[in-house]
Amino acid sequence: MTRLLSFLVLGVGAFVTRLPAQDAATLYGAGAFRLAADSFAARARAEPDVPAHWYNLGNALYRAGDDVGARAAWIRAAREAPRNSDIRDALNMVTAPDAASATDTTVPFVTPGEVLAVAGVLWVLAWILAAFRRPLRHVIPMFLVAVIVAVLGYSKAREFHRPLALVLHTNTALRVAPFASASTRRSMNDGTTVEVLRRYAGWVLVRRGNEEGWLQRSEIVPLTGTGT
């Protein structure tokens, strides 16, 4: 019943009707959710800064039964449009499997670019105060606040560019070497956040906390770059 209600909430999506091309929206409306997801994914790869593409991709994947893929797409959408209530509501339907994964994928209500813009404005205001020979007790705090805000924005921007990924399936084997026959270090739950360290053939070396191991590329969905 909960999932049925979620389907009704998602519908075709407010963003879908605003897409210039109708192929993906038509497929979505016809119930061909996996095909629609492929079309939305192509749009997301071509224009990764457009939150509508990621939001629609998440809708299609969710309706196709891919909760982890949907969460990854909605996280990407939220990073571009953090105050959009539709995206926030969608993310609430696919929660992280553990506290660490939830922390890794938390999206603030402002973008790093917005924070850096505020820092720039404060910096300019501080120089204006200095030019008008305002007391140092007014100028210096303004400079300090501008620097602090800039550091916060830069820190969040770096965090968004961390090569994080979500594990797609439950009981995924984290292996000690990039071979299917390698022994399993541990099993990982679907939706678990991992950091990608390097790639080798069809494998990726990932870190989870203090533990490292190998996963197949097909077993994760990235949260950075143009991949989906």
Protein backbone atom coordinates (compact mmCIF):
# COMPACT_ATOMS: atom_id res chain seq x y z
CA MET A 1 0.00 0.00 0.00
CA THR A 2 2.84 2.43 0.86
CA ARG A 3 4.54 1.86 -2.46
CA LEU A 4 1.23 2.24 -4.33
CA LEU A 5 0.68 5.60 -2.65
CA SER A 6 4.22 6.59 -3.60
CA PHE A 7 3.46 5.77 -7.23
CA LEU A 8 0.42 8.01 -7.11
CA VAL A 9 2.47 10.83 -5.58
CA LEU A 10 5.14 10.57 -8.25
CA GLY A 11 2.73 10.32 -11.16
CA VAL A 12 4.36 11.47 -14.34
CA GLY A 13 6.17 14.13 -12.35
CA ALA A 14 5.88 17.91 -12.47
CA PHE A 15 9.18 18.13 -14.31
CA VAL A 16 8.26 15.58 -16.97
CA THR A 17 5.67 17.77 -18.63
CA ARG A 18 8.23 20.52 -19.07
CA LEU A 19 10.68 18.40 -21.08
CA PRO A 20 11.07 19.72 -24.64
CA ALA A 21 10.99 16.26 -26.19
CA GLN A 22 8.12 13.90 -25.59
CA ASP A 23 9.72 10.47 -26.13
CA ALA A 24 10.69 9.86 -22.49
CA ALA A 25 7.45 11.32 -21.12
CA THR A 26 5.41 9.22 -23.56
CA LEU A 27 7.22 6.06 -22.53
CA TYR A 28 6.73 6.94 -18.87
CA GLY A 29 3.04 7.59 -19.38
CA ALA A 30 2.69 4.27 -21.19
CA GLY A 31 4.23 2.39 -18.28
CA ALA A 32 7.50 1.56 -20.08
CA PHE A 33 9.49 2.77 -17.10
CA ARG A 34 12.81 1.07 -17.89
CA LEU A 35 12.83 2.48 -21.43
CA ALA A 36 11.84 5.88 -20.09
CA ALA A 37 14.69 5.66 -17.60
CA ASP A 38 17.16 5.00 -20.42
CA SER A 39 15.91 8.11 -22.21
CA PHE A 40 16.05 10.28 -19.09
CA ALA A 41 19.54 8.91 -18.32
CA ALA A 42 20.75 10.01 -21.74
CA ARG A 43 19.43 13.50 -21.03
CA ALA A 44 21.09 13.53 -17.60
CA ARG A 45 24.43 12.55 -19.13
CA ALA A 46 24.12 15.28 -21.76
CA GLU A 47 22.99 17.98 -19.30
CA PRO A 48 24.08 16.90 -15.78
CA ASP A 49 23.34 20.36 -14.33
CA VAL A 50 19.60 20.14 -15.10
CA PRO A 51 17.81 18.77 -12.00
CA ALA A 52 14.68 17.87 -13.98
CA HIS A 53 16.55 15.14 -15.86
CA TRP A 54 17.75 13.49 -12.65
CA TYR A 55 14.37 13.85 -10.98
CA ASN A 56 12.57 12.25 -13.91
CA LEU A 57 15.19 9.51 -14.10
CA GLY A 58 14.61 8.78 -10.42
CA ASN A 59 10.85 8.62 -10.96
CA ALA A 60 11.22 6.15 -13.82
CA LEU A 61 13.70 3.95 -11.96
CA TYR A 62 11.53 3.92 -8.85
CA ARG A 63 8.49 2.88 -10.85
CA ALA A 64 10.64 0.18 -12.48
CA GLY A 65 11.52 -1.20 -9.02
CA ASP A 66 15.08 0.13 -8.82
CA ASP A 67 15.02 1.94 -5.47
CA VAL A 68 18.79 2.42 -5.24
CA GLY A 69 19.07 3.81 -8.76
CA ALA A 70 16.17 6.13 -7.98
CA ARG A 71 17.82 7.34 -4.78
CA ALA A 72 21.07 8.05 -6.62
CA ALA A 73 19.24 10.05 -9.30
CA TRP A 74 17.21 12.01 -6.75
CA ILE A 75 20.36 12.83 -4.78
CA ARG A 76 21.84 14.26 -7.98
CA ALA A 77 18.65 16.26 -8.52
CA ALA A 78 18.67 17.55 -4.94
CA ARG A 79 22.25 18.72 -5.24
CA GLU A 80 21.22 20.91 -8.17
CA ALA A 81 17.89 22.07 -6.69
CA PRO A 82 18.14 21.53 -2.92
CA ARG A 83 14.99 23.45 -1.98
CA ASN A 84 12.68 21.71 -4.43
CA SER A 85 9.95 20.05 -2.37
CA ASP A 86 9.11 17.42 -5.02
CA ILE A 87 12.69 16.17 -5.00
CA ARG A 88 12.88 16.21 -1.19
CA ASP A 89 9.63 14.26 -0.93
CA ALA A 90 10.90 11.70 -3.42
CA LEU A 91 14.14 11.21 -1.49
CA ASN A 92 12.17 10.54 1.67
CA MET A 93 10.66 7.46 0.01
CA VAL A 94 14.04 5.70 -0.35
CA THR A 95 16.02 6.12 2.85
CA ALA A 96 19.64 5.13 3.35
CA PRO A 97 20.29 1.68 4.91
CA ASP A 98 22.50 3.00 7.72
CA ALA A 99 23.56 6.18 9.49
CA ALA A 100 26.92 6.46 7.73
CA SER A 101 25.33 6.20 4.29
CA ALA A 102 22.71 8.77 5.29
CA THR A 103 25.43 11.19 6.42
CA ASP A 104 27.42 10.68 3.21
CA THR A 105 24.39 11.54 1.07
CA THR A 106 22.92 14.41 3.09
CA VAL A 107 22.05 17.34 0.84
CA PRO A 108 21.96 20.82 2.46
CA PHE A 109 19.31 23.39 1.53
CA VAL A 110 21.82 25.56 -0.34
CA THR A 111 24.23 24.68 -3.12
CA PRO A 112 27.99 25.20 -2.75
CA GLY A 113 27.76 27.81 -5.52
CA GLU A 114 25.19 29.78 -3.55
CA VAL A 115 27.37 29.70 -0.44
CA LEU A 116 30.40 30.88 -2.41
CA ALA A 117 28.30 33.66 -3.95
CA VAL A 118 27.34 34.87 -0.48
CA ALA A 119 31.01 34.80 0.50
CA GLY A 120 31.83 36.92 -2.54
CA VAL A 121 29.19 39.49 -1.64
CA LEU A 122 30.47 39.70 1.93
CA TRP A 123 34.04 40.12 0.68
CA VAL A 124 33.02 43.01 -1.59
CA LEU A 125 31.03 44.64 1.21
CA ALA A 126 34.06 44.40 3.47
CA TRP A 127 36.19 46.21 0.90
CA ILE A 128 33.49 48.85 0.48
CA LEU A 129 33.51 49.44 4.22
CA ALA A 130 37.28 49.68 4.14
CA ALA A 131 37.16 52.15 1.24
CA PHE A 132 34.82 54.38 3.21
CA ARG A 133 37.22 54.18 6.15
CA ARG A 134 34.78 52.48 8.47
CA PRO A 135 36.14 51.42 11.88
CA LEU A 136 38.24 48.26 11.80
CA ARG A 137 35.89 46.67 14.32
CA HIS A 138 33.34 46.61 11.48
CA VAL A 139 35.63 45.77 8.58
CA ILE A 140 37.70 42.94 10.04
CA PRO A 141 34.71 40.83 11.21
CA MET A 142 33.19 41.20 7.73
CA PHE A 143 36.38 39.87 6.15
CA LEU A 144 36.50 37.00 8.64
CA VAL A 145 32.88 36.02 8.00
CA ALA A 146 33.49 36.12 4.25
CA VAL A 147 36.46 33.79 4.61
CA ILE A 148 34.56 31.39 6.87
CA VAL A 149 31.60 31.23 4.48
CA ALA A 150 33.94 30.69 1.54
CA VAL A 151 35.67 27.81 3.32
CA LEU A 152 32.29 26.22 4.04
CA GLY A 153 31.23 26.54 0.41
CA TYR A 154 34.52 25.14 -0.87
CA SER A 155 34.32 22.25 1.60
CA LYS A 156 30.81 21.32 0.47
CA ALA A 157 31.84 21.60 -3.19
CA ARG A 158 34.70 19.16 -2.58
CA GLU A 159 32.31 16.83 -0.76
CA PHE A 160 29.94 16.83 -3.73
CA HIS A 161 32.84 15.87 -5.99
CA ARG A 162 33.94 12.91 -3.89
CA PRO A 163 33.71 9.78 -6.03
CA LEU A 164 30.89 8.22 -4.03
CA ALA A 165 28.62 5.43 -5.25
CA LEU A 166 25.71 3.38 -3.94
CA VAL A 167 25.73 -0.41 -3.83
CA LEU A 168 22.88 -1.61 -6.03
CA HIS A 169 21.94 -4.99 -4.56
CA THR A 170 21.71 -6.52 -1.10
CA ASN A 171 24.28 -9.15 -0.08
CA THR A 172 26.81 -7.79 -2.58
CA ALA A 173 30.20 -9.38 -2.00
CA LEU A 174 33.09 -7.04 -1.24
CA ARG A 175 36.04 -9.07 -2.52
CA VAL A 176 39.70 -9.01 -1.58
CA ALA A 177 40.79 -8.98 -5.24
CA PRO A 178 39.22 -8.00 -8.60
CA PHE A 179 38.20 -11.53 -9.52
CA ALA A 180 34.87 -13.32 -9.25
CA SER A 181 36.65 -16.25 -7.57
CA ALA A 182 38.31 -14.05 -4.93
CA SER A 183 37.25 -14.53 -1.34
CA THR A 184 34.62 -12.26 0.17
CA ARG A 185 35.71 -9.71 2.73
CA ARG A 186 32.13 -8.91 3.72
CA SER A 187 28.62 -8.55 2.29
CA MET A 188 27.14 -5.13 1.67
CA ASN A 189 23.52 -4.00 1.72
CA ASP A 190 21.80 -2.23 -1.14
CA GLY A 191 22.04 1.55 -0.86
CA THR A 192 25.29 1.44 1.12
CA THR A 193 27.60 4.33 0.27
CA VAL A 194 31.16 3.54 -0.82
CA GLU A 195 34.02 5.73 -2.04
CA VAL A 196 35.55 4.69 -5.35
CA LEU A 197 39.35 4.69 -5.15
CA ARG A 198 40.35 3.31 -8.54
CA ARG A 199 39.16 1.17 -11.43
CA TYR A 200 40.56 -1.97 -12.98
CA ALA A 201 38.91 -3.55 -16.01
CA GLY A 202 35.28 -4.16 -14.95
CA TRP A 203 36.06 -3.72 -11.25
CA VAL A 204 36.34 -0.83 -8.80
CA LEU A 205 38.35 -0.63 -5.61
CA VAL A 206 36.14 0.97 -2.96
CA ARG A 207 36.45 2.11 0.62
CA ARG A 208 33.78 1.71 3.26
CA GLY A 209 34.91 3.23 6.53
CA ASN A 210 38.38 1.77 7.19
CA GLU A 211 37.79 -1.24 4.96
CA GLU A 212 38.72 -1.59 1.29
CA GLY A 213 37.72 -4.17 -1.28
CA TRP A 214 36.62 -4.78 -4.84
CA LEU A 215 33.18 -4.58 -6.43
CA GLN A 216 32.13 -5.04 -10.01
CA ARG A 217 31.22 -1.81 -11.81
CA SER A 218 27.76 -3.16 -12.50
CA GLU A 219 27.20 -3.50 -8.74
CA ILE A 220 27.31 0.25 -8.02
CA VAL A 221 25.71 3.46 -9.24
CA PRO A 222 27.87 6.62 -9.05
CA LEU A 223 26.88 9.90 -7.43
CA THR A 224 29.39 12.01 -9.38
CA GLY A 225 30.29 12.54 -13.01
CA THR A 226 27.88 11.89 -15.85
CA GLY A 227 27.27 8.24 -15.05
CA THR A 228 23.90 7.00 -13.83
